[in-house]
Structures are given as C-alpha cells and as structure tokens.
Amino acid sequence: MQFGTHFIWPILYKIVLLSTAAAIAFSCNELVSKGSKKATEDDGSILTVLSQQGLPNDFIRFYKTFHTDSLYQMQHIVWPLRGVPTITDPSVSIDSLERFHWRPQDWTMHKLMEKSDEFSVRYDMPSDDVVTEYIEFKNLKARMMRRFARSKNGEWYLIYYADINQYDE
C-alpha cells in the first residue's frame, strides 16, 4: 500500500506541533527568592517583558505565582475554561471550536518561560482589569493566546486559553 502526501503531512504536522508545544510547556525559569531582585531587572524570564510593557505590579506578582505554584494556578483559573485546543487537523477551523472548554482534569501546569529568540511575547491591556498575552513562535508560524482578568475582589484569573496553533500570514 502506498501512502500519498495527503496522509504524511498531517502526521508530520502533528509531530512538529506537539513536540514544540511540549518543549515550550516544560521550559521554565528557576526563580530567585522573593525580594532578591526587582521585577524590572532582567532575570532571563518573561517577567522582564511584563515589567518593560508597563503592566500593573499586582499582575506581575500574580503572573509569577501563577506559573510557579500549581495549587494557586488551579485556583486562579475560571473553570470550565473557555478556549481552543491545539488543532492537529488542518481541515478543522478555530471557529468550529467556539464552544470548547478546558477541564481541570485535563490541565497541564503552565510554567514560567525563559526569554528566547524563538518566540516573541506581546501584551495588550484593553482595560485596567484585562490583560491579553500573545506568544508567537517565529519558526512555526504558530501562536498561543491567554486572557487574564481581575475580579471585583482584586484577584487575577486566567479566563481564556487558546493553545499553540498555526496561522496564515
């Protein structure tokens, strides 16, 4: 039996995308003890980018704790979490997954990432209580997006997560 390219490409796509997603998800930065460095100093992690983009100090503290304390992370996610999974089938559109929700039992802890030339990070703050994070993986033409919101009691929560997916330029 001969396999055509229509069979091989989806498999290669899955392998590359999932391998990269796993590498990114498990890359983490060893954090310095609390108070030994200011958030604005370059510690090699995404925290420096947060500070440089002028995000609120309470969000930066939340972000650091969220990525280093698994219990805190689970408690600061609005479950079921709206979002988009990694799409391994190119024929599936993101729009068709409008009702997708992440569940606690399927969650993999998000860890603090080190800065890298392989991806860029951008933050938008459309209001004082919402921060949207975009992480774009340059060589893959892929990105992920997370949206955080501050509740009425002042606590920050992850309210939306779109996993790593390819995009058209």
Protein backbone atom coordinates (compact mmCIF):
# COMPACT_ATOMS: atom_id res chain seq x y z
CA MET A 1 0.00 0.00 0.00
CA GLN A 2 1.35 3.38 -0.94
CA PHE A 3 0.78 6.50 1.17
CA GLY A 4 0.29 9.81 -0.57
CA THR A 5 1.39 13.16 0.76
CA HIS A 6 -2.16 13.82 1.95
CA PHE A 7 -1.55 11.13 4.60
CA ILE A 8 2.04 12.03 5.61
CA TRP A 9 1.69 15.81 6.05
CA PRO A 10 -0.95 15.71 8.82
CA ILE A 11 1.23 13.24 10.75
CA LEU A 12 4.38 15.37 10.36
CA TYR A 13 2.36 18.47 11.28
CA LYS A 14 1.16 16.77 14.48
CA ILE A 15 4.65 15.62 15.43
CA VAL A 16 6.27 19.03 14.91
CA LEU A 17 3.47 20.99 16.57
CA LEU A 18 3.12 18.69 19.58
CA SER A 19 6.89 18.39 20.07
CA THR A 20 7.26 22.15 20.08
CA ALA A 21 4.28 22.61 22.37
CA ALA A 22 5.74 20.11 24.84
CA ALA A 23 9.16 21.77 24.78
CA ILE A 24 7.66 25.20 25.40
CA ALA A 25 5.27 23.98 28.09
CA PHE A 26 8.06 22.36 30.07
CA SER A 27 10.62 25.15 29.74
CA CYS A 28 10.69 27.02 32.98
CA ASN A 29 12.87 29.51 34.72
CA GLU A 30 14.40 28.87 38.13
CA LEU A 31 13.07 31.73 40.17
CA VAL A 32 15.13 33.76 42.58
CA SER A 33 13.89 34.06 46.13
CA LYS A 34 11.24 36.66 46.80
CA GLY A 35 12.62 40.15 47.12
CA SER A 36 16.16 39.39 45.93
CA LYS A 37 15.58 41.03 42.53
CA LYS A 38 13.26 43.75 41.38
CA ALA A 39 10.75 42.79 38.69
CA THR A 40 12.33 45.32 36.33
CA GLU A 41 15.77 43.67 36.37
CA ASP A 42 16.47 41.23 33.55
CA ASP A 43 16.24 37.81 35.18
CA GLY A 44 16.03 35.95 31.83
CA SER A 45 12.31 35.23 32.15
CA ILE A 46 9.11 36.61 30.72
CA LEU A 47 8.77 38.68 33.94
CA THR A 48 11.21 41.19 32.44
CA VAL A 49 8.96 41.62 29.40
CA LEU A 50 5.95 42.16 31.68
CA SER A 51 7.77 44.93 33.51
CA GLN A 52 9.02 46.55 30.32
CA GLN A 53 5.49 46.68 28.91
CA GLY A 54 4.23 48.63 31.89
CA LEU A 55 1.78 46.06 33.24
CA PRO A 56 0.50 46.57 36.81
CA ASN A 57 2.71 45.30 39.64
CA ASP A 58 -0.14 43.23 41.09
CA PHE A 59 -0.49 41.47 37.72
CA ILE A 60 3.26 40.75 37.59
CA ARG A 61 3.14 39.26 41.12
CA PHE A 62 0.08 37.19 40.11
CA TYR A 63 1.80 36.04 36.89
CA LYS A 64 4.90 34.87 38.78
CA THR A 65 2.90 32.97 41.41
CA PHE A 66 0.52 31.55 38.78
CA HIS A 67 3.44 29.97 36.92
CA THR A 68 5.31 28.62 39.95
CA ASP A 69 2.56 27.33 42.29
CA SER A 70 0.34 24.59 40.85
CA LEU A 71 -2.37 24.86 43.53
CA TYR A 72 -2.53 28.65 43.09
CA GLN A 73 -2.74 28.18 39.32
CA MET A 74 -5.68 25.77 39.57
CA GLN A 75 -7.46 28.13 41.96
CA HIS A 76 -6.93 31.10 39.64
CA ILE A 77 -8.50 29.63 36.52
CA VAL A 78 -12.18 30.12 35.77
CA TRP A 79 -13.42 26.55 35.21
CA PRO A 80 -14.55 25.35 32.77
CA LEU A 81 -12.02 27.48 30.93
CA ARG A 82 -13.09 28.73 27.51
CA GLY A 83 -10.52 28.39 24.76
CA VAL A 84 -9.13 26.48 21.80
CA PRO A 85 -7.07 23.27 21.88
CA THR A 86 -4.11 22.60 19.61
CA ILE A 87 -5.60 21.81 16.23
CA THR A 88 -3.69 18.95 14.62
CA ASP A 89 -6.05 18.55 11.69
CA PRO A 90 -5.56 21.42 9.21
CA SER A 91 -9.12 20.96 7.92
CA VAL A 92 -10.57 21.94 11.34
CA SER A 93 -11.15 25.66 11.76
CA ILE A 94 -10.79 27.51 15.05
CA ASP A 95 -14.29 28.92 14.54
CA SER A 96 -15.74 25.40 14.65
CA LEU A 97 -14.41 25.03 18.22
CA GLU A 98 -16.34 28.01 19.56
CA ARG A 99 -17.73 26.02 22.49
CA PHE A 100 -14.51 24.26 23.57
CA HIS A 101 -13.69 24.32 27.29
CA TRP A 102 -10.59 23.13 29.16
CA ARG A 103 -11.32 20.96 32.21
CA PRO A 104 -9.24 20.74 35.43
CA GLN A 105 -8.58 17.01 34.96
CA ASP A 106 -7.01 17.67 31.53
CA TRP A 107 -4.94 20.70 32.54
CA THR A 108 -1.14 20.79 32.26
CA MET A 109 0.50 23.35 34.51
CA HIS A 110 1.79 26.40 32.69
CA LYS A 111 5.30 27.25 33.85
CA LEU A 112 7.30 30.45 33.64
CA MET A 113 9.12 30.57 30.32
CA GLU A 114 12.60 31.89 29.71
CA LYS A 115 13.07 34.58 27.09
CA SER A 116 14.12 33.21 23.73
CA ASP A 117 14.76 34.36 20.18
CA GLU A 118 12.42 31.58 19.03
CA PHE A 119 9.30 33.39 20.19
CA SER A 120 8.04 36.86 20.89
CA VAL A 121 5.63 37.98 23.59
CA ARG A 122 3.17 40.83 23.41
CA TYR A 123 0.65 42.09 25.94
CA ASP A 124 -2.48 44.15 25.37
CA MET A 125 -4.38 45.76 28.20
CA PRO A 126 -7.75 46.88 26.77
CA SER A 127 -8.88 47.92 30.26
CA ASP A 128 -7.40 48.16 33.76
CA ASP A 129 -8.81 44.72 34.57
CA VAL A 130 -7.94 42.67 31.46
CA VAL A 131 -4.54 41.55 30.12
CA THR A 132 -4.21 39.54 26.90
CA GLU A 133 -0.93 37.73 26.28
CA TYR A 134 0.17 36.65 22.80
CA ILE A 135 3.16 34.30 22.40
CA GLU A 136 4.23 33.87 18.80
CA PHE A 137 6.61 31.07 17.80
CA LYS A 138 8.53 32.54 14.90
CA ASN A 139 9.81 29.41 13.12
CA LEU A 140 6.49 27.58 13.35
CA LYS A 141 4.17 30.39 12.29
CA ALA A 142 2.20 29.47 15.40
CA ARG A 143 0.92 31.37 18.42
CA MET A 144 -0.92 30.91 21.66
CA MET A 145 -3.10 33.39 23.49
CA ARG A 146 -4.15 33.75 27.11
CA ARG A 147 -6.51 36.29 28.63
CA PHE A 148 -6.40 37.23 32.29
CA ALA A 149 -8.94 39.33 34.17
CA ARG A 150 -9.05 40.96 37.57
CA SER A 151 -12.16 40.10 39.59
CA LYS A 152 -14.16 42.50 41.73
CA ASN A 153 -12.18 41.34 44.78
CA GLY A 154 -8.89 42.34 43.08
CA GLU A 155 -7.65 38.79 42.30
CA TRP A 156 -6.40 37.94 38.81
CA TYR A 157 -7.67 34.84 36.94
CA LEU A 158 -6.99 33.08 33.66
CA ILE A 159 -10.29 33.37 31.78
CA TYR A 160 -9.37 32.18 28.25
CA TYR A 161 -6.63 29.99 26.74
CA ALA A 162 -6.01 29.27 23.06
CA ASP A 163 -3.28 26.64 22.80
CA ILE A 164 -0.50 26.73 20.21
CA ASN A 165 -1.90 26.79 16.68
CA GLN A 166 -0.57 27.68 13.27
CA TYR A 167 -1.77 30.78 11.46
CA ASP A 168 -1.64 32.13 7.94
CA GLU A 169 0.44 35.21 7.29
